[in-house]
Amino acid sequence: MDAFKSMLSSWENKAHEASELAEITLTIRKQDLVKIKAFAEAYELDESVITEGLIHIAIKEAEAAMPYVKGDEVIRVEEGEEVYADVGKTPAYVEAEQAISKTLRG
């Protein structure tokens, strides 16, 4: 019975993961394609799995690298310290991400 529960749970997770994926057309450098194909061959995975993983990690790294640019406006006080509005690209990125996410959900 546990084997079936485990299998059904695995299927449910895979179905959920699949429902979160979106297909796109992507143009990349030939040398990058060579590397994706090499990863796919070495790890015995589909190229799309490799590409999705690499893009996912790259996006997380890019988000983390976005610099905070201190503005003049104090937006709150935390533990006695003034926190200033970010006037860099992060607020525009977050706003665009939220709007796009709403449209993709339907």
Protein backbone atom coordinates (compact mmCIF):
# COMPACT_ATOMS: atom_id res chain seq x y z
CA MET A 1 0.00 0.00 0.00
CA ASP A 2 2.86 2.40 0.80
CA ALA A 3 4.34 1.83 -2.64
CA PHE A 4 1.11 2.99 -4.27
CA LYS A 5 0.86 6.04 -1.98
CA SER A 6 4.43 6.94 -2.85
CA MET A 7 3.81 6.48 -6.56
CA LEU A 8 0.60 8.54 -6.49
CA SER A 9 2.33 11.28 -4.54
CA SER A 10 5.16 11.30 -7.07
CA TRP A 11 2.68 11.56 -9.93
CA GLU A 12 0.88 14.40 -8.18
CA ASN A 13 4.16 16.29 -7.73
CA LYS A 14 5.12 15.75 -11.37
CA ALA A 15 1.67 16.90 -12.55
CA HIS A 16 1.94 20.04 -10.41
CA GLU A 17 5.45 20.76 -11.69
CA ALA A 18 4.29 20.26 -15.29
CA SER A 19 1.37 22.65 -14.77
CA GLU A 20 3.84 25.33 -13.68
CA LEU A 21 5.88 25.08 -16.89
CA ALA A 22 5.44 27.27 -19.96
CA GLU A 23 6.91 26.64 -23.39
CA ILE A 24 8.86 29.39 -25.15
CA THR A 25 10.98 29.77 -28.27
CA LEU A 26 14.53 30.69 -27.43
CA THR A 27 17.48 31.79 -29.53
CA ILE A 28 20.88 31.05 -27.97
CA ARG A 29 24.51 31.03 -29.00
CA LYS A 30 25.66 27.85 -30.72
CA GLN A 31 28.38 27.28 -28.11
CA ASP A 32 25.76 27.47 -25.35
CA LEU A 33 23.66 24.89 -27.20
CA VAL A 34 26.71 22.62 -27.37
CA LYS A 35 27.08 22.92 -23.60
CA ILE A 36 23.38 22.24 -22.96
CA LYS A 37 23.57 19.16 -25.18
CA ALA A 38 26.71 18.02 -23.34
CA PHE A 39 25.01 18.43 -19.94
CA ALA A 40 21.98 16.54 -21.24
CA GLU A 41 24.14 13.70 -22.50
CA ALA A 42 26.29 13.53 -19.38
CA TYR A 43 23.29 13.52 -17.02
CA GLU A 44 21.04 11.50 -19.32
CA LEU A 45 18.33 14.15 -19.23
CA ASP A 46 16.31 15.92 -21.89
CA GLU A 47 17.81 19.18 -23.14
CA SER A 48 14.65 21.02 -22.06
CA VAL A 49 15.18 19.89 -18.45
CA ILE A 50 18.76 21.18 -18.52
CA THR A 51 17.73 24.47 -20.14
CA GLU A 52 14.87 25.05 -17.69
CA GLY A 53 17.15 24.42 -14.73
CA LEU A 54 19.86 26.73 -16.00
CA ILE A 55 17.42 29.55 -16.75
CA HIS A 56 15.73 29.14 -13.36
CA ILE A 57 19.03 29.43 -11.48
CA ALA A 58 20.20 32.33 -13.67
CA ILE A 59 17.01 34.27 -12.92
CA LYS A 60 17.39 33.70 -9.16
CA GLU A 61 21.01 34.88 -9.33
CA ALA A 62 20.06 37.94 -11.42
CA GLU A 63 17.32 38.89 -8.95
CA ALA A 64 19.73 38.58 -6.03
CA ALA A 65 22.30 40.72 -7.86
CA MET A 66 19.91 43.62 -8.53
CA PRO A 67 21.38 46.53 -6.61
CA TYR A 68 19.50 48.56 -4.03
CA VAL A 69 19.71 52.23 -4.96
CA LYS A 70 18.95 54.44 -1.96
CA GLY A 71 16.49 57.20 -2.70
CA ASP A 72 15.63 60.30 -0.66
CA GLU A 73 12.21 59.14 0.63
CA VAL A 74 12.02 57.36 3.99
CA ILE A 75 9.44 54.59 3.62
CA ARG A 76 9.58 53.17 7.16
CA VAL A 77 11.62 52.96 10.32
CA GLU A 78 12.95 49.59 11.49
CA GLU A 79 14.56 49.29 14.92
CA GLY A 80 15.14 53.03 14.95
CA GLU A 81 16.81 53.02 11.53
CA GLU A 82 15.30 54.85 8.57
CA VAL A 83 14.70 52.70 5.48
CA TYR A 84 14.81 54.59 2.21
CA ALA A 85 12.89 53.81 -0.97
CA ASP A 86 14.77 51.91 -3.66
CA VAL A 87 15.05 54.09 -6.78
CA GLY A 88 16.88 51.45 -8.81
CA LYS A 89 15.36 48.89 -11.18
CA THR A 90 14.08 46.55 -8.44
CA PRO A 91 10.73 48.32 -7.82
CA ALA A 92 9.94 48.41 -11.56
CA TYR A 93 10.95 44.75 -11.86
CA VAL A 94 8.75 43.69 -8.94
CA GLU A 95 5.80 45.67 -10.29
CA ALA A 96 6.18 44.19 -13.77
CA GLU A 97 6.59 40.68 -12.35
CA GLN A 98 3.36 40.99 -10.34
CA ALA A 99 1.38 42.37 -13.30
CA ILE A 100 2.67 39.70 -15.69
CA SER A 101 2.02 36.96 -13.13
CA LYS A 102 -1.62 38.07 -12.87
CA THR A 103 -2.09 37.94 -16.64
CA LEU A 104 -0.51 34.48 -16.92
CA ARG A 105 -2.80 33.09 -14.20
CA GLY A 106 -5.77 34.01 -16.33
